[in-house]
Amino acid sequence: QVQLLESGGGLVQPGGSLRLSCEFSGNHFNIYYMGWYRQAPGNQRDMVATIAPIGTTNYADAVQGRFTISRDNAKNTVDLQMNSLKPEDTAVYYCNALNRGSRNNYWGQGTQVTVSS
């Protein structure tokens, strides 16, 4: 069984930065596709960034060039560095782990990010 624990959310002013971290508890972290998703009130949950086991990354157009996803296979963590934050980045951010072979898919409990002056 996999458990994901996010941390690092909070309140930040527009133009500021935050770093989210997700701790993966379970086996075989290095074979999971990891990702960050976000959901604002009244909206669907959208992909923000994903990172493959070998490190290939993918970003939503809205965050390209501002956010960076990274993983540490030795520490079983995946981080999301968020720079130049905008009010429209306000949302609950969720960590996701996907095993494409078994199709097992796991979510963290979410962490709130609020961008406001």
C-alpha atoms as a PDB file:
ATOM      1  CA  GLN A   1       0.000   0.000   0.000  1.00  0.00           C
ATOM      2  CA  VAL A   2       1.265   3.458  -0.933  1.00  0.00           C
ATOM      3  CA  GLN A   3       0.737   6.573   1.127  1.00  0.00           C
ATOM      4  CA  LEU A   4       1.535  10.098   0.006  1.00  0.00           C
ATOM      5  CA  LEU A   5       2.057  13.028   2.345  1.00  0.00           C
ATOM      6  CA  GLU A   6       2.260  16.568   0.983  1.00  0.00           C
ATOM      7  CA  SER A   7       3.771  19.536   2.752  1.00  0.00           C
ATOM      8  CA  GLY A   8       4.836  23.090   1.986  1.00  0.00           C
ATOM      9  CA  GLY A   9       1.601  24.845   1.134  1.00  0.00           C
ATOM     10  CA  GLY A  10       0.620  28.209   2.521  1.00  0.00           C
ATOM     11  CA  LEU A  11      -0.136  31.829   1.791  1.00  0.00           C
ATOM     12  CA  VAL A  12       2.165  33.783  -0.503  1.00  0.00           C
ATOM     13  CA  GLN A  13       1.986  37.130  -2.259  1.00  0.00           C
ATOM     14  CA  PRO A  14       1.789  37.369  -6.045  1.00  0.00           C
ATOM     15  CA  GLY A  15       5.242  36.997  -7.537  1.00  0.00           C
ATOM     16  CA  GLY A  16       6.440  34.917  -4.618  1.00  0.00           C
ATOM     17  CA  SER A  17       7.641  31.329  -4.414  1.00  0.00           C
ATOM     18  CA  LEU A  18       6.690  28.143  -2.625  1.00  0.00           C
ATOM     19  CA  ARG A  19       8.118  24.652  -2.634  1.00  0.00           C
ATOM     20  CA  LEU A  20       5.815  21.677  -2.188  1.00  0.00           C
ATOM     21  CA  SER A  21       7.127  18.305  -1.153  1.00  0.00           C
ATOM     22  CA  CYS A  22       5.527  14.864  -1.319  1.00  0.00           C
ATOM     23  CA  GLU A  23       6.807  11.949   0.718  1.00  0.00           C
ATOM     24  CA  PHE A  24       6.080   8.487  -0.746  1.00  0.00           C
ATOM     25  CA  SER A  25       5.655   5.614   1.725  1.00  0.00           C
ATOM     26  CA  GLY A  26       5.660   2.171   0.163  1.00  0.00           C
ATOM     27  CA  ASN A  27       7.681   0.030  -2.177  1.00  0.00           C
ATOM     28  CA  HIS A  28       9.188   0.652  -5.578  1.00  0.00           C
ATOM     29  CA  PHE A  29       8.981   4.455  -5.693  1.00  0.00           C
ATOM     30  CA  ASN A  30      11.428   4.378  -8.587  1.00  0.00           C
ATOM     31  CA  ILE A  31       8.888   2.745 -10.936  1.00  0.00           C
ATOM     32  CA  TYR A  32       6.051   5.184 -10.263  1.00  0.00           C
ATOM     33  CA  TYR A  33       5.095   8.107 -12.435  1.00  0.00           C
ATOM     34  CA  MET A  34       4.727  10.988  -9.991  1.00  0.00           C
ATOM     35  CA  GLY A  35       2.713  14.121 -10.450  1.00  0.00           C
ATOM     36  CA  TRP A  36       1.222  17.231  -8.957  1.00  0.00           C
ATOM     37  CA  TYR A  37      -2.379  18.179  -9.654  1.00  0.00           C
ATOM     38  CA  ARG A  38      -4.479  21.053  -8.414  1.00  0.00           C
ATOM     39  CA  GLN A  39      -8.119  21.799  -7.841  1.00  0.00           C
ATOM     40  CA  ALA A  40      -9.651  25.211  -7.273  1.00  0.00           C
ATOM     41  CA  PRO A  41     -13.178  25.572  -5.813  1.00  0.00           C
ATOM     42  CA  GLY A  42     -15.778  24.697  -8.421  1.00  0.00           C
ATOM     43  CA  ASN A  43     -13.190  23.374 -10.857  1.00  0.00           C
ATOM     44  CA  GLN A  44     -12.017  19.942 -11.855  1.00  0.00           C
ATOM     45  CA  ARG A  45      -8.687  18.553 -10.749  1.00  0.00           C
ATOM     46  CA  ASP A  46      -6.067  19.408 -13.362  1.00  0.00           C
ATOM     47  CA  MET A  47      -2.566  18.191 -14.035  1.00  0.00           C
ATOM     48  CA  VAL A  48       0.155  20.658 -13.075  1.00  0.00           C
ATOM     49  CA  ALA A  49       3.317  18.636 -13.670  1.00  0.00           C
ATOM     50  CA  THR A  50       4.407  15.024 -13.961  1.00  0.00           C
ATOM     51  CA  ILE A  51       7.741  13.248 -13.827  1.00  0.00           C
ATOM     52  CA  ALA A  52       8.499   9.786 -15.153  1.00  0.00           C
ATOM     53  CA  PRO A  53      10.688   7.230 -13.367  1.00  0.00           C
ATOM     54  CA  ILE A  54      13.599   8.182 -15.613  1.00  0.00           C
ATOM     55  CA  GLY A  55      13.060  11.889 -14.984  1.00  0.00           C
ATOM     56  CA  THR A  56      11.158  13.024 -18.073  1.00  0.00           C
ATOM     57  CA  THR A  57       8.911  15.934 -17.140  1.00  0.00           C
ATOM     58  CA  ASN A  58       5.672  17.369 -18.448  1.00  0.00           C
ATOM     59  CA  TYR A  59       4.000  20.651 -17.491  1.00  0.00           C
ATOM     60  CA  ALA A  60       0.652  22.291 -17.964  1.00  0.00           C
ATOM     61  CA  ASP A  61       0.874  25.305 -20.258  1.00  0.00           C
ATOM     62  CA  ALA A  62      -0.250  27.581 -17.427  1.00  0.00           C
ATOM     63  CA  VAL A  63       2.818  26.789 -15.300  1.00  0.00           C
ATOM     64  CA  GLN A  64       5.471  26.138 -17.955  1.00  0.00           C
ATOM     65  CA  GLY A  65       8.579  28.150 -17.171  1.00  0.00           C
ATOM     66  CA  ARG A  66       7.456  28.999 -13.631  1.00  0.00           C
ATOM     67  CA  PHE A  67       7.161  25.594 -11.934  1.00  0.00           C
ATOM     68  CA  THR A  68       9.729  22.818 -11.720  1.00  0.00           C
ATOM     69  CA  ILE A  69       9.034  19.228 -10.685  1.00  0.00           C
ATOM     70  CA  SER A  70      11.820  17.004  -9.409  1.00  0.00           C
ATOM     71  CA  ARG A  71      12.189  13.628  -7.743  1.00  0.00           C
ATOM     72  CA  ASP A  72      14.718  12.007  -5.478  1.00  0.00           C
ATOM     73  CA  ASN A  73      14.595   8.238  -5.881  1.00  0.00           C
ATOM     74  CA  ALA A  74      16.902   7.755  -2.901  1.00  0.00           C
ATOM     75  CA  LYS A  75      14.632   9.706  -0.554  1.00  0.00           C
ATOM     76  CA  ASN A  76      11.287   8.696  -2.113  1.00  0.00           C
ATOM     77  CA  THR A  77      10.228  12.303  -2.543  1.00  0.00           C
ATOM     78  CA  VAL A  78       8.885  14.485  -5.322  1.00  0.00           C
ATOM     79  CA  ASP A  79       8.984  18.264  -5.090  1.00  0.00           C
ATOM     80  CA  LEU A  80       7.312  21.107  -6.929  1.00  0.00           C
ATOM     81  CA  GLN A  81       9.165  24.413  -6.965  1.00  0.00           C
ATOM     82  CA  MET A  82       6.705  27.196  -7.769  1.00  0.00           C
ATOM     83  CA  ASN A  83       8.021  30.616  -8.754  1.00  0.00           C
ATOM     84  CA  SER A  84       6.345  33.799  -9.969  1.00  0.00           C
ATOM     85  CA  LEU A  85       3.104  32.696  -8.379  1.00  0.00           C
ATOM     86  CA  LYS A  86      -0.150  34.238  -9.547  1.00  0.00           C
ATOM     87  CA  PRO A  87      -3.556  34.494  -7.860  1.00  0.00           C
ATOM     88  CA  GLU A  88      -4.880  31.979 -10.381  1.00  0.00           C
ATOM     89  CA  ASP A  89      -2.448  29.397  -8.960  1.00  0.00           C
ATOM     90  CA  THR A  90      -4.569  29.338  -5.807  1.00  0.00           C
ATOM     91  CA  ALA A  91      -5.834  25.794  -5.305  1.00  0.00           C
ATOM     92  CA  VAL A  92      -5.466  22.623  -3.304  1.00  0.00           C
ATOM     93  CA  TYR A  93      -2.429  20.799  -4.661  1.00  0.00           C
ATOM     94  CA  TYR A  94      -2.409  17.009  -4.684  1.00  0.00           C
ATOM     95  CA  CYS A  95       0.459  14.587  -5.073  1.00  0.00           C
ATOM     96  CA  ASN A  96      -0.184  11.576  -7.307  1.00  0.00           C
ATOM     97  CA  ALA A  97       1.592   8.268  -7.804  1.00  0.00           C
ATOM     98  CA  LEU A  98       0.788   6.060 -10.790  1.00  0.00           C
ATOM     99  CA  ASN A  99       2.075   2.580 -11.506  1.00  0.00           C
ATOM    100  CA  ARG A 100       1.400   2.172 -15.214  1.00  0.00           C
ATOM    101  CA  GLY A 101       2.028  -1.562 -15.080  1.00  0.00           C
ATOM    102  CA  SER A 102      -0.478  -2.426 -12.350  1.00  0.00           C
ATOM    103  CA  ARG A 103      -2.580   0.711 -12.940  1.00  0.00           C
ATOM    104  CA  ASN A 104      -2.490   1.398  -9.199  1.00  0.00           C
ATOM    105  CA  ASN A 105      -3.131   5.087  -8.666  1.00  0.00           C
ATOM    106  CA  TYR A 106      -2.702   6.927  -5.368  1.00  0.00           C
ATOM    107  CA  TRP A 107      -3.461  10.434  -4.096  1.00  0.00           C
ATOM    108  CA  GLY A 108      -2.274  12.477  -1.169  1.00  0.00           C
ATOM    109  CA  GLN A 109      -4.643  14.446   1.045  1.00  0.00           C
ATOM    110  CA  GLY A 110      -3.764  17.763  -0.577  1.00  0.00           C
ATOM    111  CA  THR A 111      -2.146  20.977   0.582  1.00  0.00           C
ATOM    112  CA  GLN A 112      -3.628  24.448   0.195  1.00  0.00           C
ATOM    113  CA  VAL A 113      -1.764  27.095  -1.780  1.00  0.00           C
ATOM    114  CA  THR A 114      -3.164  30.609  -1.643  1.00  0.00           C
ATOM    115  CA  VAL A 115      -1.684  33.444  -3.681  1.00  0.00           C
ATOM    116  CA  SER A 116      -3.016  36.753  -2.504  1.00  0.00           C
ATOM    117  CA  SER A 117      -1.879  40.202  -1.510  1.00  0.00           C
END
